[in-house]
Structure formats: C-alpha cells, structure tokens
Amino acid sequence: MESYLTGRGDSTGNALPSSDDDEFRSYLEDAPKQVISPAEQNISEEEQVEVVYDEANCPKVEVVTSEGKPRRIVIHLPDGKLLEISCEY
C-alpha cells in the first residue's frame, strides 16, 4: 500500500523524502545522560535544603527552598541517579 503522504510537500513545497530507509531516526540528538552528584550542585547561600522523606529502601526526597518558596524537588533514586523537578511560580 502506498504511503498516505507520498508525493506531498511541506509548506515550502519540497516533497517528503522517500521511505527507502525504514530505519527510525530521531530528530533530536541523543546526548549522553549526565548524572549530577550532590557535590556538583550549586546551592547558593540563600537556598535551604529540607529532607521531607528518608526511609530505608525508598528514595530520599528533598525540597530546596529560597526566600520561603520551594524552588526544586530532588529525589535520590536507588540506582544513584538524581531526579530534579523545578518549581516555577
């Protein structure tokens, strides 16, 4: 069956490339994942870190506050990686 988009062009009038190569290619460059250790984090003098959850065999959860407002939630995953969630208001 012929592809629905065969022969159609984009907004500039260029035809879509043929599907000779069926291999998936990402549009985004797959940069290597980087793990940021706590020593590498830049915590300013104004920021305070509060541990909100720290139980055995569970991820440790910290809230980083600045001027009384939460700025980041940091979750220490079991494999040593950090999940950092930014809080924007």
C-alpha atoms as a PDB file:
ATOM      1  CA  MET A   1       0.000   0.000   0.000  1.00  0.00           C
ATOM      2  CA  GLU A   2       1.347   3.406  -0.941  1.00  0.00           C
ATOM      3  CA  SER A   3       2.010   5.823   1.898  1.00  0.00           C
ATOM      4  CA  TYR A   4      -0.650   8.465   2.506  1.00  0.00           C
ATOM      5  CA  LEU A   5       1.996  11.224   2.490  1.00  0.00           C
ATOM      6  CA  THR A   6       3.806  10.085  -0.661  1.00  0.00           C
ATOM      7  CA  GLY A   7       4.310  12.976  -3.047  1.00  0.00           C
ATOM      8  CA  ARG A   8       3.036  15.578  -0.623  1.00  0.00           C
ATOM      9  CA  GLY A   9       5.274  18.509   0.143  1.00  0.00           C
ATOM     10  CA  ASP A  10       5.867  20.596   3.211  1.00  0.00           C
ATOM     11  CA  SER A  11       4.914  24.273   3.479  1.00  0.00           C
ATOM     12  CA  THR A  12       7.943  25.230   1.347  1.00  0.00           C
ATOM     13  CA  GLY A  13       6.824  22.983  -1.495  1.00  0.00           C
ATOM     14  CA  ASN A  14       9.556  20.372  -1.033  1.00  0.00           C
ATOM     15  CA  ALA A  15       8.440  16.779  -1.406  1.00  0.00           C
ATOM     16  CA  LEU A  16       8.853  14.486   1.567  1.00  0.00           C
ATOM     17  CA  PRO A  17      11.831  12.124   1.353  1.00  0.00           C
ATOM     18  CA  SER A  18      11.150   8.640   0.061  1.00  0.00           C
ATOM     19  CA  SER A  19      10.821   5.827   2.539  1.00  0.00           C
ATOM     20  CA  ASP A  20      13.670   3.752   1.082  1.00  0.00           C
ATOM     21  CA  ASP A  21      15.272   3.596   4.524  1.00  0.00           C
ATOM     22  CA  ASP A  22      12.752   2.254   7.043  1.00  0.00           C
ATOM     23  CA  GLU A  23      15.124   2.760   9.978  1.00  0.00           C
ATOM     24  CA  PHE A  24      13.845   5.111  12.692  1.00  0.00           C
ATOM     25  CA  ARG A  25      15.894   8.270  13.150  1.00  0.00           C
ATOM     26  CA  SER A  26      15.377  10.713  15.965  1.00  0.00           C
ATOM     27  CA  TYR A  27      15.053  14.391  15.163  1.00  0.00           C
ATOM     28  CA  LEU A  28      16.762  15.239  18.430  1.00  0.00           C
ATOM     29  CA  GLU A  29      20.362  14.451  19.103  1.00  0.00           C
ATOM     30  CA  ASP A  30      20.592  11.764  21.778  1.00  0.00           C
ATOM     31  CA  ALA A  31      23.018  13.420  24.169  1.00  0.00           C
ATOM     32  CA  PRO A  32      24.542  11.167  26.792  1.00  0.00           C
ATOM     33  CA  LYS A  33      22.699  11.252  30.072  1.00  0.00           C
ATOM     34  CA  GLN A  34      24.601  13.001  32.815  1.00  0.00           C
ATOM     35  CA  VAL A  35      24.263  12.267  36.493  1.00  0.00           C
ATOM     36  CA  ILE A  36      24.816  15.268  38.724  1.00  0.00           C
ATOM     37  CA  SER A  37      26.266  14.360  42.078  1.00  0.00           C
ATOM     38  CA  PRO A  38      25.274  16.429  45.124  1.00  0.00           C
ATOM     39  CA  ALA A  39      28.817  17.851  45.300  1.00  0.00           C
ATOM     40  CA  GLU A  40      28.421  19.334  41.802  1.00  0.00           C
ATOM     41  CA  GLN A  41      25.164  21.127  42.537  1.00  0.00           C
ATOM     42  CA  ASN A  42      25.438  24.866  43.028  1.00  0.00           C
ATOM     43  CA  ILE A  43      23.426  25.655  46.124  1.00  0.00           C
ATOM     44  CA  SER A  44      23.528  29.350  46.852  1.00  0.00           C
ATOM     45  CA  GLU A  45      23.706  30.745  50.363  1.00  0.00           C
ATOM     46  CA  GLU A  46      20.031  31.735  50.157  1.00  0.00           C
ATOM     47  CA  GLU A  47      18.796  28.209  49.400  1.00  0.00           C
ATOM     48  CA  GLN A  48      17.859  25.792  52.167  1.00  0.00           C
ATOM     49  CA  VAL A  49      17.567  22.017  51.737  1.00  0.00           C
ATOM     50  CA  GLU A  50      14.931  20.156  53.751  1.00  0.00           C
ATOM     51  CA  VAL A  51      14.654  16.357  53.732  1.00  0.00           C
ATOM     52  CA  VAL A  52      10.936  15.551  53.563  1.00  0.00           C
ATOM     53  CA  TYR A  53      11.177  11.757  53.160  1.00  0.00           C
ATOM     54  CA  ASP A  54      14.011   9.421  54.072  1.00  0.00           C
ATOM     55  CA  GLU A  55      13.059   5.799  54.782  1.00  0.00           C
ATOM     56  CA  ALA A  56      15.048   2.590  54.329  1.00  0.00           C
ATOM     57  CA  ASN A  57      14.822   1.025  50.829  1.00  0.00           C
ATOM     58  CA  CYS A  58      12.948   4.094  49.490  1.00  0.00           C
ATOM     59  CA  PRO A  59      14.031   7.150  47.505  1.00  0.00           C
ATOM     60  CA  LYS A  60      15.124  10.130  49.590  1.00  0.00           C
ATOM     61  CA  VAL A  61      13.138  13.304  48.810  1.00  0.00           C
ATOM     62  CA  GLU A  62      14.474  16.815  49.431  1.00  0.00           C
ATOM     63  CA  VAL A  63      12.886  20.224  48.895  1.00  0.00           C
ATOM     64  CA  VAL A  64      15.184  23.152  48.088  1.00  0.00           C
ATOM     65  CA  THR A  65      13.655  26.481  49.129  1.00  0.00           C
ATOM     66  CA  SER A  66      14.695  30.064  48.517  1.00  0.00           C
ATOM     67  CA  GLU A  67      13.041  33.042  50.186  1.00  0.00           C
ATOM     68  CA  GLY A  68      10.466  30.684  51.716  1.00  0.00           C
ATOM     69  CA  LYS A  69       9.333  29.306  48.339  1.00  0.00           C
ATOM     70  CA  PRO A  70      10.085  25.791  47.040  1.00  0.00           C
ATOM     71  CA  ARG A  71      12.440  26.018  44.039  1.00  0.00           C
ATOM     72  CA  ARG A  72      13.343  22.359  43.378  1.00  0.00           C
ATOM     73  CA  ILE A  73      12.336  18.885  44.496  1.00  0.00           C
ATOM     74  CA  VAL A  74      15.278  16.482  44.452  1.00  0.00           C
ATOM     75  CA  ILE A  75      14.638  12.727  44.518  1.00  0.00           C
ATOM     76  CA  HIS A  76      17.608  10.409  45.136  1.00  0.00           C
ATOM     77  CA  LEU A  77      16.804   7.248  43.143  1.00  0.00           C
ATOM     78  CA  PRO A  78      18.024   3.800  44.275  1.00  0.00           C
ATOM     79  CA  ASP A  79      20.458   3.469  41.333  1.00  0.00           C
ATOM     80  CA  GLY A  80      22.340   6.617  42.449  1.00  0.00           C
ATOM     81  CA  LYS A  81      20.738   8.977  39.941  1.00  0.00           C
ATOM     82  CA  LEU A  82      19.005  12.209  40.895  1.00  0.00           C
ATOM     83  CA  LEU A  83      15.614  13.329  39.641  1.00  0.00           C
ATOM     84  CA  GLU A  84      15.344  17.099  39.944  1.00  0.00           C
ATOM     85  CA  ILE A  85      11.976  18.796  39.462  1.00  0.00           C
ATOM     86  CA  SER A  86      11.984  22.587  39.083  1.00  0.00           C
ATOM     87  CA  CYS A  87       9.180  24.527  40.737  1.00  0.00           C
ATOM     88  CA  GLU A  88       8.249  27.734  38.925  1.00  0.00           C
ATOM     89  CA  TYR A  89       5.603  30.205  40.007  1.00  0.00           C
END
